[in-house]
Amino acid sequence: MNDGLRTGLITPAEYENLKYQYYYKSFANPNSPLGGDIGIHGIGQLNSIFKNLPFVFNWTEGSIAVSNEEIDELFNVTPKGTTVTIY
């Protein structure tokens, strides 16, 4: 959130509102200018090419991409509804 405030993506009022939501409601509005719908997903069709390469840029726009094999394993061992915190 600080980067969004610093770069002018959100106003000081929006920053304070998002901070309140995070600390007192345990979530932030996914419809804010910072975005939402963050997730963990596989790489997709290019898995065989990219799964072993270190990524030097954030192509997921906030989500976490893992190999298709890793996402399959996470799906099989993580119960539905598990809380995931991304820092």
PDB file of N, CA and C in Angstrom:
ATOM      1  N   MET A   1       0.817  -1.197   0.000  1.00  0.00           N
ATOM      2  CA  MET A   1       0.000   0.000   0.000  1.00  0.00           C
ATOM      3  C   MET A   1       0.857   1.256   0.000  1.00  0.00           C
ATOM      4  N   ASN A   2       1.989   1.204   0.719  1.00  0.00           N
ATOM      5  CA  ASN A   2       2.846   2.378   0.773  1.00  0.00           C
ATOM      6  C   ASN A   2       3.330   2.785  -0.608  1.00  0.00           C
ATOM      7  N   ASP A   3       3.665   1.811  -1.456  1.00  0.00           N
ATOM      8  CA  ASP A   3       4.116   2.134  -2.803  1.00  0.00           C
ATOM      9  C   ASP A   3       2.998   2.797  -3.597  1.00  0.00           C
ATOM     10  N   GLY A   4       1.775   2.323  -3.419  1.00  0.00           N
ATOM     11  CA  GLY A   4       0.641   2.927  -4.106  1.00  0.00           C
ATOM     12  C   GLY A   4       0.423   4.358  -3.679  1.00  0.00           C
ATOM     13  N   LEU A   5       0.609   4.638  -2.416  1.00  0.00           N
ATOM     14  CA  LEU A   5       0.490   6.007  -1.909  1.00  0.00           C
ATOM     15  C   LEU A   5       1.648   6.852  -2.422  1.00  0.00           C
ATOM     16  N   ARG A   6       2.854   6.325  -2.326  1.00  0.00           N
ATOM     17  CA  ARG A   6       4.050   7.067  -2.735  1.00  0.00           C
ATOM     18  C   ARG A   6       4.014   7.427  -4.219  1.00  0.00           C
ATOM     19  N   THR A   7       3.529   6.526  -5.049  1.00  0.00           N
ATOM     20  CA  THR A   7       3.506   6.767  -6.494  1.00  0.00           C
ATOM     21  C   THR A   7       2.250   7.493  -6.966  1.00  0.00           C
ATOM     22  N   GLY A   8       1.317   7.764  -6.050  1.00  0.00           N
ATOM     23  CA  GLY A   8       0.110   8.491  -6.413  1.00  0.00           C
ATOM     24  C   GLY A   8      -1.003   7.627  -6.964  1.00  0.00           C
ATOM     25  N   LEU A   9      -0.852   6.304  -6.878  1.00  0.00           N
ATOM     26  CA  LEU A   9      -1.894   5.406  -7.366  1.00  0.00           C
ATOM     27  C   LEU A   9      -3.145   5.495  -6.499  1.00  0.00           C
ATOM     28  N   ILE A  10      -2.944   5.715  -5.196  1.00  0.00           N
ATOM     29  CA  ILE A  10      -4.068   5.928  -4.277  1.00  0.00           C
ATOM     30  C   ILE A  10      -3.841   7.225  -3.506  1.00  0.00           C
ATOM     31  N   THR A  11      -4.928   7.814  -3.044  1.00  0.00           N
ATOM     32  CA  THR A  11      -4.865   9.054  -2.271  1.00  0.00           C
ATOM     33  C   THR A  11      -4.577   8.732  -0.811  1.00  0.00           C
ATOM     34  N   PRO A  12      -4.183   9.742  -0.020  1.00  0.00           N
ATOM     35  CA  PRO A  12      -4.005   9.491   1.412  1.00  0.00           C
ATOM     36  C   PRO A  12      -5.276   8.951   2.078  1.00  0.00           C
ATOM     37  N   ALA A  13      -6.444   9.418   1.655  1.00  0.00           N
ATOM     38  CA  ALA A  13      -7.707   8.924   2.228  1.00  0.00           C
ATOM     39  C   ALA A  13      -7.918   7.452   1.869  1.00  0.00           C
ATOM     40  N   GLU A  14      -7.637   7.080   0.628  1.00  0.00           N
ATOM     41  CA  GLU A  14      -7.768   5.673   0.227  1.00  0.00           C
ATOM     42  C   GLU A  14      -6.774   4.805   0.992  1.00  0.00           C
ATOM     43  N   TYR A  15      -5.571   5.317   1.200  1.00  0.00           N
ATOM     44  CA  TYR A  15      -4.566   4.586   1.970  1.00  0.00           C
ATOM     45  C   TYR A  15      -5.071   4.305   3.379  1.00  0.00           C
ATOM     46  N   GLU A  16      -5.590   5.329   4.049  1.00  0.00           N
ATOM     47  CA  GLU A  16      -6.087   5.148   5.408  1.00  0.00           C
ATOM     48  C   GLU A  16      -7.252   4.164   5.449  1.00  0.00           C
ATOM     49  N   ASN A  17      -8.130   4.224   4.455  1.00  0.00           N
ATOM     50  CA  ASN A  17      -9.270   3.302   4.390  1.00  0.00           C
ATOM     51  C   ASN A  17      -8.791   1.866   4.193  1.00  0.00           C
ATOM     52  N   LEU A  18      -7.837   1.647   3.294  1.00  0.00           N
ATOM     53  CA  LEU A  18      -7.298   0.305   3.064  1.00  0.00           C
ATOM     54  C   LEU A  18      -6.570  -0.217   4.302  1.00  0.00           C
ATOM     55  N   LYS A  19      -5.838   0.653   4.959  1.00  0.00           N
ATOM     56  CA  LYS A  19      -5.132   0.263   6.181  1.00  0.00           C
ATOM     57  C   LYS A  19      -6.130  -0.151   7.261  1.00  0.00           C
ATOM     58  N   TYR A  20      -7.220   0.601   7.408  1.00  0.00           N
ATOM     59  CA  TYR A  20      -8.263   0.255   8.375  1.00  0.00           C
ATOM     60  C   TYR A  20      -8.854  -1.116   8.041  1.00  0.00           C
ATOM     61  N   GLN A  21      -9.204  -1.335   6.770  1.00  0.00           N
ATOM     62  CA  GLN A  21      -9.784  -2.615   6.352  1.00  0.00           C
ATOM     63  C   GLN A  21      -8.848  -3.766   6.674  1.00  0.00           C
ATOM     64  N   TYR A  22      -7.569  -3.577   6.405  1.00  0.00           N
ATOM     65  CA  TYR A  22      -6.600  -4.639   6.628  1.00  0.00           C
ATOM     66  C   TYR A  22      -6.475  -4.966   8.113  1.00  0.00           C
ATOM     67  N   TYR A  23      -6.327  -3.948   8.949  1.00  0.00           N
ATOM     68  CA  TYR A  23      -6.083  -4.188  10.369  1.00  0.00           C
ATOM     69  C   TYR A  23      -7.333  -4.596  11.152  1.00  0.00           C
ATOM     70  N   TYR A  24      -8.503  -4.105  10.765  1.00  0.00           N
ATOM     71  CA  TYR A  24      -9.697  -4.364  11.562  1.00  0.00           C
ATOM     72  C   TYR A  24     -10.680  -5.330  10.924  1.00  0.00           C
ATOM     73  N   LYS A  25     -10.554  -5.583   9.648  1.00  0.00           N
ATOM     74  CA  LYS A  25     -11.469  -6.510   8.983  1.00  0.00           C
ATOM     75  C   LYS A  25     -10.738  -7.682   8.349  1.00  0.00           C
ATOM     76  N   SER A  26      -9.409  -7.691   8.426  1.00  0.00           N
ATOM     77  CA  SER A  26      -8.552  -8.766   7.904  1.00  0.00           C
ATOM     78  C   SER A  26      -8.592  -8.914   6.390  1.00  0.00           C
ATOM     79  N   PHE A  27      -9.010  -7.885   5.682  1.00  0.00           N
ATOM     80  CA  PHE A  27      -8.975  -7.907   4.228  1.00  0.00           C
ATOM     81  C   PHE A  27      -8.941  -6.472   3.725  1.00  0.00           C
ATOM     82  N   ALA A  28      -8.537  -6.307   2.508  1.00  0.00           N
ATOM     83  CA  ALA A  28      -8.589  -4.996   1.858  1.00  0.00           C
ATOM     84  C   ALA A  28      -9.496  -5.108   0.643  1.00  0.00           C
ATOM     85  N   ASN A  29     -10.147  -4.022   0.310  1.00  0.00           N
ATOM     86  CA  ASN A  29     -11.090  -3.994  -0.800  1.00  0.00           C
ATOM     87  C   ASN A  29     -10.391  -4.371  -2.114  1.00  0.00           C
ATOM     88  N   PRO A  30     -10.789  -5.470  -2.747  1.00  0.00           N
ATOM     89  CA  PRO A  30     -10.151  -5.868  -4.006  1.00  0.00           C
ATOM     90  C   PRO A  30     -10.493  -4.933  -5.162  1.00  0.00           C
ATOM     91  N   ASN A  31     -11.464  -4.042  -4.980  1.00  0.00           N
ATOM     92  CA  ASN A  31     -11.843  -3.107  -6.034  1.00  0.00           C
ATOM     93  C   ASN A  31     -11.119  -1.773  -5.923  1.00  0.00           C
ATOM     94  N   SER A  32     -10.118  -1.699  -5.041  1.00  0.00           N
ATOM     95  CA  SER A  32      -9.347  -0.460  -4.910  1.00  0.00           C
ATOM     96  C   SER A  32      -8.429  -0.309  -6.126  1.00  0.00           C
ATOM     97  N   PRO A  33      -7.867   0.861  -6.330  1.00  0.00           N
ATOM     98  CA  PRO A  33      -6.919   1.033  -7.445  1.00  0.00           C
ATOM     99  C   PRO A  33      -5.694   0.116  -7.352  1.00  0.00           C
ATOM    100  N   LEU A  34      -5.444  -0.459  -6.175  1.00  0.00           N
ATOM    101  CA  LEU A  34      -4.313  -1.376  -6.025  1.00  0.00           C
ATOM    102  C   LEU A  34      -4.617  -2.751  -6.602  1.00  0.00           C
ATOM    103  N   GLY A  35      -5.881  -3.038  -6.854  1.00  0.00           N
ATOM    104  CA  GLY A  35      -6.258  -4.317  -7.446  1.00  0.00           C
ATOM    105  C   GLY A  35      -6.645  -5.348  -6.410  1.00  0.00           C
ATOM    106  N   GLY A  36      -6.868  -6.533  -6.872  1.00  0.00           N
ATOM    107  CA  GLY A  36      -7.286  -7.625  -6.003  1.00  0.00           C
ATOM    108  C   GLY A  36      -7.250  -8.919  -6.788  1.00  0.00           C
ATOM    109  N   ASP A  37      -7.987  -9.887  -6.324  1.00  0.00           N
ATOM    110  CA  ASP A  37      -8.055 -11.183  -6.993  1.00  0.00           C
ATOM    111  C   ASP A  37      -6.664 -11.785  -7.147  1.00  0.00           C
ATOM    112  N   ILE A  38      -5.883 -11.704  -6.073  1.00  0.00           N
ATOM    113  CA  ILE A  38      -4.535 -12.250  -6.053  1.00  0.00           C
ATOM    114  C   ILE A  38      -4.625 -13.746  -5.782  1.00  0.00           C
ATOM    115  N   GLY A  39      -3.799 -14.516  -6.432  1.00  0.00           N
ATOM    116  CA  GLY A  39      -3.872 -15.949  -6.236  1.00  0.00           C
ATOM    117  C   GLY A  39      -2.552 -16.650  -6.451  1.00  0.00           C
ATOM    118  N   ILE A  40      -2.585 -17.942  -6.281  1.00  0.00           N
ATOM    119  CA  ILE A  40      -1.452 -18.808  -6.554  1.00  0.00           C
ATOM    120  C   ILE A  40      -1.859 -19.670  -7.741  1.00  0.00           C
ATOM    121  N   HIS A  41      -1.033 -19.719  -8.773  1.00  0.00           N
ATOM    122  CA  HIS A  41      -1.422 -20.458  -9.972  1.00  0.00           C
ATOM    123  C   HIS A  41      -0.211 -21.088 -10.639  1.00  0.00           C
ATOM    124  N   GLY A  42      -0.481 -22.021 -11.519  1.00  0.00           N
ATOM    125  CA  GLY A  42       0.568 -22.642 -12.308  1.00  0.00           C
ATOM    126  C   GLY A  42       0.990 -21.744 -13.453  1.00  0.00           C
ATOM    127  N   ILE A  43       1.990 -22.172 -14.181  1.00  0.00           N
ATOM    128  CA  ILE A  43       2.521 -21.378 -15.289  1.00  0.00           C
ATOM    129  C   ILE A  43       1.682 -21.548 -16.550  1.00  0.00           C
ATOM    130  N   GLY A  44       1.090 -22.702 -16.731  1.00  0.00           N
ATOM    131  CA  GLY A  44       0.243 -22.927 -17.901  1.00  0.00           C
ATOM    132  C   GLY A  44       0.982 -23.645 -19.012  1.00  0.00           C
ATOM    133  N   GLN A  45       0.669 -23.312 -20.247  1.00  0.00           N
ATOM    134  CA  GLN A  45       1.197 -24.026 -21.415  1.00  0.00           C
ATOM    135  C   GLN A  45       2.715 -23.936 -21.548  1.00  0.00           C
ATOM    136  N   LEU A  46       3.324 -22.869 -21.017  1.00  0.00           N
ATOM    137  CA  LEU A  46       4.770 -22.701 -21.136  1.00  0.00           C
ATOM    138  C   LEU A  46       5.526 -23.286 -19.948  1.00  0.00           C
ATOM    139  N   ASN A  47       4.868 -24.144 -19.192  1.00  0.00           N
ATOM    140  CA  ASN A  47       5.460 -24.736 -17.994  1.00  0.00           C
ATOM    141  C   ASN A  47       6.812 -25.382 -18.270  1.00  0.00           C
ATOM    142  N   SER A  48       6.920 -26.179 -19.336  1.00  0.00           N
ATOM    143  CA  SER A  48       8.170 -26.902 -19.600  1.00  0.00           C
ATOM    144  C   SER A  48       9.330 -25.958 -19.884  1.00  0.00           C
ATOM    145  N   ILE A  49       9.053 -24.772 -20.367  1.00  0.00           N
ATOM    146  CA  ILE A  49      10.102 -23.801 -20.675  1.00  0.00           C
ATOM    147  C   ILE A  49      10.479 -22.993 -19.424  1.00  0.00           C
ATOM    148  N   PHE A  50       9.487 -22.519 -18.687  1.00  0.00           N
ATOM    149  CA  PHE A  50       9.722 -21.547 -17.621  1.00  0.00           C
ATOM    150  C   PHE A  50       9.862 -22.111 -16.214  1.00  0.00           C
ATOM    151  N   LYS A  51       9.495 -23.353 -15.972  1.00  0.00           N
ATOM    152  CA  LYS A  51       9.424 -23.838 -14.596  1.00  0.00           C
ATOM    153  C   LYS A  51      10.743 -23.819 -13.844  1.00  0.00           C
ATOM    154  N   ASN A  52      11.867 -23.898 -14.529  1.00  0.00           N
ATOM    155  CA  ASN A  52      13.164 -23.911 -13.853  1.00  0.00           C
ATOM    156  C   ASN A  52      13.947 -22.614 -14.003  1.00  0.00           C
ATOM    157  N   LEU A  53      13.340 -21.601 -14.578  1.00  0.00           N
ATOM    158  CA  LEU A  53      14.033 -20.331 -14.760  1.00  0.00           C
ATOM    159  C   LEU A  53      13.673 -19.363 -13.636  1.00  0.00           C
ATOM    160  N   PRO A  54      14.658 -18.615 -13.129  1.00  0.00           N
ATOM    161  CA  PRO A  54      14.325 -17.571 -12.142  1.00  0.00           C
ATOM    162  C   PRO A  54      13.692 -16.392 -12.870  1.00  0.00           C
ATOM    163  N   PHE A  55      12.599 -15.874 -12.339  1.00  0.00           N
ATOM    164  CA  PHE A  55      11.933 -14.741 -12.968  1.00  0.00           C
ATOM    165  C   PHE A  55      12.521 -13.445 -12.427  1.00  0.00           C
ATOM    166  N   VAL A  56      12.818 -12.530 -13.318  1.00  0.00           N
ATOM    167  CA  VAL A  56      13.421 -11.265 -12.928  1.00  0.00           C
ATOM    168  C   VAL A  56      12.426 -10.112 -12.999  1.00  0.00           C
ATOM    169  N   PHE A  57      11.197 -10.411 -13.342  1.00  0.00           N
ATOM    170  CA  PHE A  57      10.159  -9.381 -13.343  1.00  0.00           C
ATOM    171  C   PHE A  57       8.849 -10.019 -12.892  1.00  0.00           C
ATOM    172  N   ASN A  58       7.936  -9.192 -12.422  1.00  0.00           N
ATOM    173  CA  ASN A  58       6.665  -9.686 -11.882  1.00  0.00           C
ATOM    174  C   ASN A  58       5.624  -9.751 -12.991  1.00  0.00           C
ATOM    175  N   TRP A  59       5.595 -10.830 -13.721  1.00  0.00           N
ATOM    176  CA  TRP A  59       4.649 -10.972 -14.823  1.00  0.00           C
ATOM    177  C   TRP A  59       3.247 -11.325 -14.348  1.00  0.00           C
ATOM    178  N   THR A  60       3.083 -11.657 -13.068  1.00  0.00           N
ATOM    179  CA  THR A  60       1.772 -12.062 -12.566  1.00  0.00           C
ATOM    180  C   THR A  60       0.967 -10.906 -12.005  1.00  0.00           C
ATOM    181  N   GLU A  61       1.548  -9.724 -11.909  1.00  0.00           N
ATOM    182  CA  GLU A  61       0.886  -8.547 -11.351  1.00  0.00           C
ATOM    183  C   GLU A  61       0.369  -8.802  -9.944  1.00  0.00           C
ATOM    184  N   GLY A  62       1.172  -9.442  -9.118  1.00  0.00           N
ATOM    185  CA  GLY A  62       0.830  -9.624  -7.715  1.00  0.00           C
ATOM    186  C   GLY A  62       0.573 -11.043  -7.282  1.00  0.00           C
ATOM    187  N   SER A  63       0.177 -11.899  -8.197  1.00  0.00           N
ATOM    188  CA  SER A  63      -0.052 -13.293  -7.843  1.00  0.00           C
ATOM    189  C   SER A  63       1.268 -14.028  -7.709  1.00  0.00           C
ATOM    190  N   ILE A  64       1.194 -15.282  -7.325  1.00  0.00           N
ATOM    191  CA  ILE A  64       2.376 -16.117  -7.209  1.00  0.00           C
ATOM    192  C   ILE A  64       2.252 -17.244  -8.223  1.00  0.00           C
ATOM    193  N   ALA A  65       3.242 -17.353  -9.093  1.00  0.00           N
ATOM    194  CA  ALA A  65       3.251 -18.420 -10.096  1.00  0.00           C
ATOM    195  C   ALA A  65       4.254 -19.486  -9.682  1.00  0.00           C
ATOM    196  N   VAL A  66       3.817 -20.706  -9.712  1.00  0.00           N
ATOM    197  CA  VAL A  66       4.685 -21.853  -9.443  1.00  0.00           C
ATOM    198  C   VAL A  66       4.523 -22.817 -10.614  1.00  0.00           C
ATOM    199  N   SER A  67       5.379 -23.820 -10.683  1.00  0.00           N
ATOM    200  CA  SER A  67       5.258 -24.780 -11.789  1.00  0.00           C
ATOM    201  C   SER A  67       3.903 -25.490 -11.713  1.00  0.00           C
ATOM    202  N   ASN A  68       3.493 -26.027 -12.825  1.00  0.00           N
ATOM    203  CA  ASN A  68       2.224 -26.756 -12.851  1.00  0.00           C
ATOM    204  C   ASN A  68       2.257 -27.943 -11.891  1.00  0.00           C
ATOM    205  N   GLU A  69       3.430 -28.591 -11.776  1.00  0.00           N
ATOM    206  CA  GLU A  69       3.566 -29.711 -10.853  1.00  0.00           C
ATOM    207  C   GLU A  69       3.389 -29.247  -9.406  1.00  0.00           C
ATOM    208  N   GLU A  70       3.960 -28.083  -9.088  1.00  0.00           N
ATOM    209  CA  GLU A  70       3.834 -27.549  -7.727  1.00  0.00           C
ATOM    210  C   GLU A  70       2.397 -27.147  -7.409  1.00  0.00           C
ATOM    211  N   ILE A  71       1.689 -26.570  -8.367  1.00  0.00           N
ATOM    212  CA  ILE A  71       0.300 -26.185  -8.109  1.00  0.00           C
ATOM    213  C   ILE A  71      -0.564 -27.424  -7.944  1.00  0.00           C
ATOM    214  N   ASP A  72      -0.265 -28.483  -8.685  1.00  0.00           N
ATOM    215  CA  ASP A  72      -1.005 -29.742  -8.512  1.00  0.00           C
ATOM    216  C   ASP A  72      -0.797 -30.297  -7.100  1.00  0.00           C
ATOM    217  N   GLU A  73       0.448 -30.239  -6.623  1.00  0.00           N
ATOM    218  CA  GLU A  73       0.731 -30.725  -5.274  1.00  0.00           C
ATOM    219  C   GLU A  73       0.029 -29.871  -4.220  1.00  0.00           C
ATOM    220  N   LEU A  74       0.091 -28.546  -4.369  1.00  0.00           N
ATOM    221  CA  LEU A  74      -0.601 -27.669  -3.417  1.00  0.00           C
ATOM    222  C   LEU A  74      -2.102 -27.963  -3.397  1.00  0.00           C
ATOM    223  N   PHE A  75      -2.682 -28.172  -4.565  1.00  0.00           N
ATOM    224  CA  PHE A  75      -4.113 -28.463  -4.660  1.00  0.00           C
ATOM    225  C   PHE A  75      -4.460 -29.743  -3.908  1.00  0.00           C
ATOM    226  N   ASN A  76      -3.586 -30.734  -4.001  1.00  0.00           N
ATOM    227  CA  ASN A  76      -3.863 -32.023  -3.372  1.00  0.00           C
ATOM    228  C   ASN A  76      -3.647 -32.044  -1.863  1.00  0.00           C
ATOM    229  N   VAL A  77      -2.793 -31.181  -1.337  1.00  0.00           N
ATOM    230  CA  VAL A  77      -2.481 -31.243   0.097  1.00  0.00           C
ATOM    231  C   VAL A  77      -3.048 -30.075   0.916  1.00  0.00           C
ATOM    232  N   THR A  78      -3.631 -29.083   0.261  1.00  0.00           N
ATOM    233  CA  THR A  78      -4.150 -27.916   0.975  1.00  0.00           C
ATOM    234  C   THR A  78      -5.671 -27.981   1.037  1.00  0.00           C
ATOM    235  N   PRO A  79      -6.238 -27.991   2.237  1.00  0.00           N
ATOM    236  CA  PRO A  79      -7.699 -28.027   2.347  1.00  0.00           C
ATOM    237  C   PRO A  79      -8.351 -26.761   1.801  1.00  0.00           C
ATOM    238  N   LYS A  80      -9.499 -26.915   1.206  1.00  0.00           N
ATOM    239  CA  LYS A  80     -10.266 -25.770   0.708  1.00  0.00           C
ATOM    240  C   LYS A  80     -10.539 -24.836   1.870  1.00  0.00           C
ATOM    241  N   GLY A  81     -10.371 -23.538   1.629  1.00  0.00           N
ATOM    242  CA  GLY A  81     -10.624 -22.540   2.653  1.00  0.00           C
ATOM    243  C   GLY A  81      -9.394 -22.163   3.463  1.00  0.00           C
ATOM    244  N   THR A  82      -8.235 -22.775   3.162  1.00  0.00           N
ATOM    245  CA  THR A  82      -7.010 -22.447   3.885  1.00  0.00           C
ATOM    246  C   THR A  82      -6.659 -20.982   3.643  1.00  0.00           C
ATOM    247  N   THR A  83      -6.363 -20.271   4.724  1.00  0.00           N
ATOM    248  CA  THR A  83      -5.964 -18.873   4.619  1.00  0.00           C
ATOM    249  C   THR A  83      -4.512 -18.785   4.191  1.00  0.00           C
ATOM    250  N   VAL A  84      -4.254 -17.956   3.192  1.00  0.00           N
ATOM    251  CA  VAL A  84      -2.900 -17.733   2.705  1.00  0.00           C
ATOM    252  C   VAL A  84      -2.605 -16.253   2.845  1.00  0.00           C
ATOM    253  N   THR A  85      -1.490 -15.912   3.472  1.00  0.00           N
ATOM    254  CA  THR A  85      -1.086 -14.516   3.620  1.00  0.00           C
ATOM    255  C   THR A  85       0.145 -14.272   2.760  1.00  0.00           C
ATOM    256  N   ILE A  86       0.057 -13.265   1.892  1.00  0.00           N
ATOM    257  CA  ILE A  86       1.154 -12.915   1.000  1.00  0.00           C
ATOM    258  C   ILE A  86       1.713 -11.581   1.450  1.00  0.00           C
ATOM    259  N   TYR A  87       3.006 -11.548   1.728  1.00  0.00           N
ATOM    260  CA  TYR A  87       3.667 -10.303   2.132  1.00  0.00           C
ATOM    261  C   TYR A  87       4.554  -9.802   1.025  1.00  0.00           C
TER     262      TYR A  87
END
